[in-house]
Amino acid sequence: MRKSIKFSPEVRERAVRMVFEHRGEYESQWAAVVSIASKIGSTPQTLLNWVRQHERDTGQREGVTTTQEQRMKELERENRELRKANEILKLASAFFAQAELDRRLKS
């Protein structure tokens, strides 16, 4: 299994910018992607994914933007935390209700 390389945001931005700037020098966007990917040490598919995400972020392509994706992840995390808190509160409520019943029965 190959270890994936983490590219800095600056390298990603530069590579995407190069694809758009040099697109006219190639017969297709894919050809530009293949050429530039080899120069930065990325796979063509990875660079193409970055290009597609940039297009979504700038409104050139339909789909979920990076900002929307981050917001959804935040909301999903918050939702999980609230579900856990709710479960804890339900268990605590049941515990204290049972304790109150036991106290009344002993009195």
C-alpha atoms as a PDB file:
ATOM      1  CA  MET A   1       0.000   0.000   0.000  1.00  0.00           C
ATOM      2  CA  ARG A   2       1.330   3.439  -0.911  1.00  0.00           C
ATOM      3  CA  LYS A   3       1.589   6.093   1.733  1.00  0.00           C
ATOM      4  CA  SER A   4      -0.318   9.209   0.764  1.00  0.00           C
ATOM      5  CA  ILE A   5       1.603  12.457   0.665  1.00  0.00           C
ATOM      6  CA  LYS A   6       0.151  15.495   2.402  1.00  0.00           C
ATOM      7  CA  PHE A   7       0.454  18.593   0.266  1.00  0.00           C
ATOM      8  CA  SER A   8       0.355  22.022   1.862  1.00  0.00           C
ATOM      9  CA  PRO A   9      -2.517  24.337   0.963  1.00  0.00           C
ATOM     10  CA  GLU A  10       0.012  26.569  -0.827  1.00  0.00           C
ATOM     11  CA  VAL A  11       1.184  23.716  -3.082  1.00  0.00           C
ATOM     12  CA  ARG A  12      -2.422  22.743  -3.822  1.00  0.00           C
ATOM     13  CA  GLU A  13      -3.362  26.324  -4.716  1.00  0.00           C
ATOM     14  CA  ARG A  14      -0.281  26.758  -6.895  1.00  0.00           C
ATOM     15  CA  ALA A  15      -0.888  23.490  -8.737  1.00  0.00           C
ATOM     16  CA  VAL A  16      -4.545  24.351  -9.392  1.00  0.00           C
ATOM     17  CA  ARG A  17      -3.560  27.824 -10.563  1.00  0.00           C
ATOM     18  CA  MET A  18      -0.989  26.276 -12.927  1.00  0.00           C
ATOM     19  CA  VAL A  19      -3.671  24.033 -14.454  1.00  0.00           C
ATOM     20  CA  PHE A  20      -5.851  27.060 -15.230  1.00  0.00           C
ATOM     21  CA  GLU A  21      -2.967  29.254 -16.389  1.00  0.00           C
ATOM     22  CA  HIS A  22      -1.450  26.628 -18.716  1.00  0.00           C
ATOM     23  CA  ARG A  23      -4.664  24.961 -19.918  1.00  0.00           C
ATOM     24  CA  GLY A  24      -4.315  26.541 -23.368  1.00  0.00           C
ATOM     25  CA  GLU A  25      -0.926  24.899 -23.900  1.00  0.00           C
ATOM     26  CA  TYR A  26      -2.469  21.404 -23.808  1.00  0.00           C
ATOM     27  CA  GLU A  27      -5.114  19.654 -25.901  1.00  0.00           C
ATOM     28  CA  SER A  28      -7.340  19.159 -22.833  1.00  0.00           C
ATOM     29  CA  GLN A  29      -7.611  19.990 -19.165  1.00  0.00           C
ATOM     30  CA  TRP A  30      -6.747  16.363 -18.369  1.00  0.00           C
ATOM     31  CA  ALA A  31      -3.499  16.641 -20.357  1.00  0.00           C
ATOM     32  CA  ALA A  32      -2.594  19.763 -18.369  1.00  0.00           C
ATOM     33  CA  VAL A  33      -3.440  17.963 -15.120  1.00  0.00           C
ATOM     34  CA  VAL A  34      -1.301  14.933 -16.023  1.00  0.00           C
ATOM     35  CA  SER A  35       1.689  17.105 -16.908  1.00  0.00           C
ATOM     36  CA  ILE A  36       1.481  19.366 -13.843  1.00  0.00           C
ATOM     37  CA  ALA A  37       0.776  16.463 -11.465  1.00  0.00           C
ATOM     38  CA  SER A  38       4.012  14.775 -12.501  1.00  0.00           C
ATOM     39  CA  LYS A  39       5.919  18.002 -11.814  1.00  0.00           C
ATOM     40  CA  ILE A  40       4.602  18.364  -8.243  1.00  0.00           C
ATOM     41  CA  GLY A  41       4.766  14.660  -7.363  1.00  0.00           C
ATOM     42  CA  SER A  42       1.018  14.134  -7.236  1.00  0.00           C
ATOM     43  CA  THR A  43      -1.198  11.662  -9.017  1.00  0.00           C
ATOM     44  CA  PRO A  44      -3.266  13.163 -11.835  1.00  0.00           C
ATOM     45  CA  GLN A  45      -6.505  12.112 -10.106  1.00  0.00           C
ATOM     46  CA  THR A  46      -5.526  13.938  -6.908  1.00  0.00           C
ATOM     47  CA  LEU A  47      -4.780  17.133  -8.809  1.00  0.00           C
ATOM     48  CA  LEU A  48      -8.002  16.760 -10.795  1.00  0.00           C
ATOM     49  CA  ASN A  49      -9.917  16.460  -7.500  1.00  0.00           C
ATOM     50  CA  TRP A  50      -8.335  19.718  -6.321  1.00  0.00           C
ATOM     51  CA  VAL A  51      -9.234  21.407  -9.618  1.00  0.00           C
ATOM     52  CA  ARG A  52     -12.852  20.187  -9.378  1.00  0.00           C
ATOM     53  CA  GLN A  53     -13.119  21.404  -5.763  1.00  0.00           C
ATOM     54  CA  HIS A  54     -11.727  24.796  -6.778  1.00  0.00           C
ATOM     55  CA  GLU A  55     -14.337  24.960  -9.536  1.00  0.00           C
ATOM     56  CA  ARG A  56     -17.092  24.191  -6.990  1.00  0.00           C
ATOM     57  CA  ASP A  57     -15.707  26.762  -4.541  1.00  0.00           C
ATOM     58  CA  THR A  58     -15.653  29.464  -7.213  1.00  0.00           C
ATOM     59  CA  GLY A  59     -19.105  28.656  -8.637  1.00  0.00           C
ATOM     60  CA  GLN A  60     -17.813  27.263 -11.934  1.00  0.00           C
ATOM     61  CA  ARG A  61     -19.191  23.797 -11.129  1.00  0.00           C
ATOM     62  CA  GLU A  62     -22.233  22.518  -9.242  1.00  0.00           C
ATOM     63  CA  GLY A  63     -21.663  20.830  -5.905  1.00  0.00           C
ATOM     64  CA  VAL A  64     -20.773  21.277  -2.272  1.00  0.00           C
ATOM     65  CA  THR A  65     -18.192  23.974  -1.569  1.00  0.00           C
ATOM     66  CA  THR A  66     -15.366  23.546   0.926  1.00  0.00           C
ATOM     67  CA  THR A  67     -17.094  25.989   3.298  1.00  0.00           C
ATOM     68  CA  GLN A  68     -20.373  24.064   3.119  1.00  0.00           C
ATOM     69  CA  GLU A  69     -18.551  20.770   3.677  1.00  0.00           C
ATOM     70  CA  GLN A  70     -16.761  22.144   6.749  1.00  0.00           C
ATOM     71  CA  ARG A  71     -20.041  23.510   8.127  1.00  0.00           C
ATOM     72  CA  MET A  72     -21.759  20.135   7.619  1.00  0.00           C
ATOM     73  CA  LYS A  73     -18.937  18.386   9.479  1.00  0.00           C
ATOM     74  CA  GLU A  74     -19.238  20.890  12.351  1.00  0.00           C
ATOM     75  CA  LEU A  75     -23.006  20.360  12.527  1.00  0.00           C
ATOM     76  CA  GLU A  76     -22.640  16.568  12.404  1.00  0.00           C
ATOM     77  CA  ARG A  77     -20.087  16.718  15.255  1.00  0.00           C
ATOM     78  CA  GLU A  78     -22.380  19.002  17.275  1.00  0.00           C
ATOM     79  CA  ASN A  79     -25.312  16.668  16.568  1.00  0.00           C
ATOM     80  CA  ARG A  80     -23.312  13.656  17.869  1.00  0.00           C
ATOM     81  CA  GLU A  81     -22.347  15.569  21.014  1.00  0.00           C
ATOM     82  CA  LEU A  82     -25.955  16.629  21.628  1.00  0.00           C
ATOM     83  CA  ARG A  83     -27.193  13.049  21.155  1.00  0.00           C
ATOM     84  CA  LYS A  84     -24.634  11.833  23.711  1.00  0.00           C
ATOM     85  CA  ALA A  85     -25.598  14.587  26.160  1.00  0.00           C
ATOM     86  CA  ASN A  86     -29.278  13.773  25.640  1.00  0.00           C
ATOM     87  CA  GLU A  87     -28.635  10.080  26.352  1.00  0.00           C
ATOM     88  CA  ILE A  88     -26.737  10.961  29.533  1.00  0.00           C
ATOM     89  CA  LEU A  89     -29.602  13.210  30.661  1.00  0.00           C
ATOM     90  CA  LYS A  90     -32.154  10.457  29.989  1.00  0.00           C
ATOM     91  CA  LEU A  91     -30.134   7.967  32.047  1.00  0.00           C
ATOM     92  CA  ALA A  92     -29.663  10.481  34.871  1.00  0.00           C
ATOM     93  CA  SER A  93     -33.363  11.323  34.855  1.00  0.00           C
ATOM     94  CA  ALA A  94     -34.305   7.634  35.068  1.00  0.00           C
ATOM     95  CA  PHE A  95     -31.776   7.110  37.873  1.00  0.00           C
ATOM     96  CA  PHE A  96     -33.102  10.011  39.947  1.00  0.00           C
ATOM     97  CA  ALA A  97     -36.730   9.055  39.286  1.00  0.00           C
ATOM     98  CA  GLN A  98     -35.994   5.528  40.564  1.00  0.00           C
ATOM     99  CA  ALA A  99     -34.160   6.944  43.592  1.00  0.00           C
ATOM    100  CA  GLU A 100     -37.170   9.131  44.396  1.00  0.00           C
ATOM    101  CA  LEU A 101     -39.524   6.122  44.129  1.00  0.00           C
ATOM    102  CA  ASP A 102     -37.270   4.077  46.405  1.00  0.00           C
ATOM    103  CA  ARG A 103     -37.150   6.934  48.941  1.00  0.00           C
ATOM    104  CA  ARG A 104     -40.966   7.247  48.977  1.00  0.00           C
ATOM    105  CA  LEU A 105     -41.421   3.478  49.403  1.00  0.00           C
ATOM    106  CA  LYS A 106     -39.073   3.416  52.423  1.00  0.00           C
ATOM    107  CA  SER A 107     -40.843   6.330  54.125  1.00  0.00           C
END
